[in-house]
Amino acid sequence: MAQQFAAIMVKVEGMDLFRQRLDSRRLLRPTRDYIEQVGKAAHRTAQRAAKPHAADKGTLGRYITVEISDGGKTATVAPIRRIVGVAQTIEEGRRPGRRPPYTPIKRWMLSHGLISGAPGESNLVRVMQGRIKSVGTKGVYFMRTASEAAEKALKDGLPETEEQIRKLWDRP
């Protein structure tokens, strides 16, 4: 004998309202703004931290960019591609071992007032090259500083963003 079961039907209504509340132009806007603000905070911090000495001209900082992508879900702060090698050396420092190139060291010494550019100062540049070869250089850690600033901005801005989303959710 076969048993017959009564059909059970569940009707769910309200998906239109739910979809309306999840509309990305409305509910996700605070999240996009939040990510953009965090990215900009990291960008500003990286630019400032890349100029550790008063004599630095801020050239490296001008080559650090912020890019908002994935529809506002991602913020990327990084040096532009053509200076990545130099930026990496400035970020982490230089290990002892090889002498750095003459021209960039001379340019750096001129900009920091360590030499005047007068004839006969090439020996001072060579001495600096030798010192860097033997001791290396300290890292500036401008990107690490930017990462820490982004983490702090993420923590600090979260409650406000949650509140904005809550208000938008509760609003019909």
Protein backbone atom coordinates (compact mmCIF):
# COMPACT_ATOMS: atom_id res chain seq x y z
CA MET A 1 0.00 0.00 0.00
CA ALA A 2 1.40 3.34 -1.01
CA GLN A 3 1.10 6.19 1.36
CA GLN A 4 0.03 9.53 0.11
CA PHE A 5 1.43 12.65 1.62
CA ALA A 6 -0.27 15.96 1.57
CA ALA A 7 1.64 18.53 -0.43
CA ILE A 8 3.32 21.13 1.71
CA MET A 9 3.89 24.48 0.18
CA VAL A 10 5.77 27.41 1.58
CA LYS A 11 5.29 30.75 -0.03
CA VAL A 12 7.85 33.41 0.76
CA GLU A 13 7.00 36.98 0.00
CA GLY A 14 9.06 40.07 0.47
CA MET A 15 12.05 39.33 -1.78
CA ASP A 16 11.38 42.46 -3.78
CA LEU A 17 11.78 44.57 -0.64
CA PHE A 18 14.90 42.61 0.33
CA ARG A 19 16.45 43.12 -3.12
CA GLN A 20 15.61 46.80 -2.97
CA ARG A 21 17.37 47.11 0.38
CA LEU A 22 20.43 45.35 -1.03
CA ASP A 23 20.56 47.65 -4.04
CA SER A 24 24.26 48.40 -4.43
CA ARG A 25 23.71 52.05 -5.25
CA ARG A 26 22.07 52.53 -1.88
CA LEU A 27 23.18 50.08 0.79
CA LEU A 28 26.75 49.44 -0.32
CA ARG A 29 27.56 53.13 -0.82
CA PRO A 30 28.78 53.59 2.79
CA THR A 31 31.11 50.61 2.37
CA ARG A 32 32.56 52.00 -0.84
CA ASP A 33 33.06 55.41 0.77
CA TYR A 34 34.69 53.73 3.77
CA ILE A 35 37.17 51.79 1.61
CA GLU A 36 37.94 54.93 -0.40
CA GLN A 37 38.62 56.94 2.79
CA VAL A 38 40.91 54.20 4.14
CA GLY A 39 42.78 54.08 0.82
CA LYS A 40 43.22 57.85 0.80
CA ALA A 41 44.47 57.81 4.40
CA ALA A 42 47.07 55.17 3.52
CA HIS A 43 48.03 57.13 0.40
CA ARG A 44 48.60 60.38 2.31
CA THR A 45 50.58 58.54 4.99
CA ALA A 46 52.81 56.80 2.43
CA GLN A 47 53.50 60.11 0.71
CA ARG A 48 54.44 61.84 3.97
CA ALA A 49 56.51 58.92 5.27
CA ALA A 50 58.45 58.70 1.98
CA LYS A 51 59.97 62.09 2.79
CA PRO A 52 61.80 61.40 6.06
CA HIS A 53 64.35 64.21 5.81
CA ALA A 54 63.58 67.91 5.51
CA ALA A 55 65.89 68.22 2.49
CA ASP A 56 64.03 65.50 0.58
CA LYS A 57 61.95 66.96 -2.20
CA GLY A 58 59.05 64.51 -1.96
CA THR A 59 59.72 62.99 -5.37
CA LEU A 60 59.07 59.43 -4.23
CA GLY A 61 55.81 60.50 -2.58
CA ARG A 62 54.55 61.97 -5.84
CA TYR A 63 55.03 58.58 -7.50
CA ILE A 64 52.84 56.75 -4.98
CA THR A 65 49.30 56.27 -6.26
CA VAL A 66 45.95 55.10 -4.89
CA GLU A 67 43.61 53.08 -7.07
CA ILE A 68 40.03 52.22 -6.15
CA SER A 69 38.84 49.08 -7.97
CA ASP A 70 36.31 46.23 -7.83
CA GLY A 71 33.46 48.71 -7.77
CA GLY A 72 34.82 50.36 -4.63
CA LYS A 73 35.63 47.14 -2.75
CA THR A 74 39.41 47.47 -3.02
CA ALA A 75 41.87 50.29 -2.52
CA THR A 76 45.47 49.76 -3.63
CA VAL A 77 48.28 52.10 -2.62
CA ALA A 78 51.60 51.51 -4.39
CA PRO A 79 54.50 53.24 -6.11
CA ILE A 80 54.17 53.43 -9.88
CA ARG A 81 55.75 50.55 -11.78
CA ARG A 82 58.78 52.39 -13.15
CA ILE A 83 60.17 53.23 -9.66
CA VAL A 84 59.28 50.01 -7.85
CA GLY A 85 62.93 48.93 -7.59
CA VAL A 86 64.11 52.20 -6.06
CA ALA A 87 61.04 52.35 -3.82
CA GLN A 88 61.77 48.82 -2.55
CA THR A 89 65.35 49.81 -1.70
CA ILE A 90 64.16 52.93 0.12
CA GLU A 91 61.44 50.95 1.94
CA GLU A 92 63.68 48.15 3.21
CA GLY A 93 67.10 49.77 3.09
CA ARG A 94 70.17 48.43 1.36
CA ARG A 95 72.23 45.54 2.64
CA PRO A 96 75.98 45.92 2.83
CA GLY A 97 77.96 44.36 0.02
CA ARG A 98 77.82 46.33 -3.23
CA ARG A 99 78.64 49.92 -3.92
CA PRO A 100 75.66 52.00 -5.11
CA PRO A 101 75.89 53.96 -8.38
CA TYR A 102 77.84 57.22 -8.29
CA THR A 103 75.34 59.64 -9.91
CA PRO A 104 72.31 58.98 -7.66
CA ILE A 105 74.52 59.22 -4.55
CA LYS A 106 76.02 62.51 -5.77
CA ARG A 107 72.53 63.87 -6.54
CA TRP A 108 71.32 62.81 -3.07
CA MET A 109 74.34 64.38 -1.33
CA LEU A 110 73.80 67.65 -3.26
CA SER A 111 70.11 67.80 -2.34
CA HIS A 112 70.89 67.19 1.33
CA GLY A 113 73.63 69.82 1.44
CA LEU A 114 76.42 67.33 2.14
CA ILE A 115 78.40 68.58 -0.85
CA SER A 116 78.19 71.82 -2.82
CA GLY A 117 78.98 70.49 -6.29
CA ALA A 118 82.36 72.20 -6.38
CA PRO A 119 85.20 70.48 -8.23
CA GLY A 120 87.15 68.00 -6.14
CA GLU A 121 84.20 66.73 -4.11
CA SER A 122 84.02 63.46 -5.98
CA ASN A 123 86.17 61.91 -3.25
CA LEU A 124 83.37 62.65 -0.76
CA VAL A 125 80.89 60.87 -3.01
CA ARG A 126 83.27 57.89 -3.24
CA VAL A 127 83.57 57.85 0.57
CA MET A 128 79.76 57.79 0.86
CA GLN A 129 79.59 54.96 -1.67
CA GLY A 130 82.16 53.02 0.37
CA ARG A 131 80.22 53.63 3.58
CA ILE A 132 76.98 52.39 2.00
CA LYS A 133 78.88 49.38 0.63
CA SER A 134 80.23 48.48 4.06
CA VAL A 135 77.25 49.35 6.30
CA GLY A 136 74.22 49.50 4.00
CA THR A 137 71.33 51.89 4.61
CA LYS A 138 68.37 51.91 6.96
CA GLY A 139 64.89 51.38 5.58
CA VAL A 140 62.38 54.23 5.60
CA TYR A 141 59.36 51.86 5.80
CA PHE A 142 56.93 54.31 4.22
CA MET A 143 54.67 51.52 2.92
CA ARG A 144 54.69 49.73 6.28
CA THR A 145 53.67 53.02 7.89
CA ALA A 146 50.89 53.36 5.30
CA SER A 147 49.69 49.83 6.07
CA GLU A 148 49.53 50.62 9.79
CA ALA A 149 47.59 53.82 9.03
CA ALA A 150 45.15 51.82 6.89
CA GLU A 151 44.61 49.28 9.68
CA LYS A 152 43.91 52.09 12.15
CA ALA A 153 41.53 53.83 9.71
CA LEU A 154 39.71 50.52 9.15
CA LYS A 155 39.18 50.06 12.89
CA ASP A 156 38.24 53.68 13.56
CA GLY A 157 35.81 54.02 10.66
CA LEU A 158 33.98 50.72 11.06
CA PRO A 159 31.41 51.76 13.72
CA GLU A 160 30.37 54.83 11.73
CA THR A 161 30.02 52.79 8.53
CA GLU A 162 27.99 50.12 10.33
CA GLU A 163 25.68 52.84 11.64
CA GLN A 164 25.22 54.32 8.16
CA ILE A 165 24.35 50.88 6.77
CA ARG A 166 21.96 50.23 9.66
CA LYS A 167 20.15 53.52 9.01
CA LEU A 168 19.85 52.74 5.30
CA TRP A 169 18.58 49.22 6.09
CA ASP A 170 15.94 50.48 8.51
CA ARG A 171 14.74 53.10 6.06
CA PRO A 172 12.05 51.72 3.71
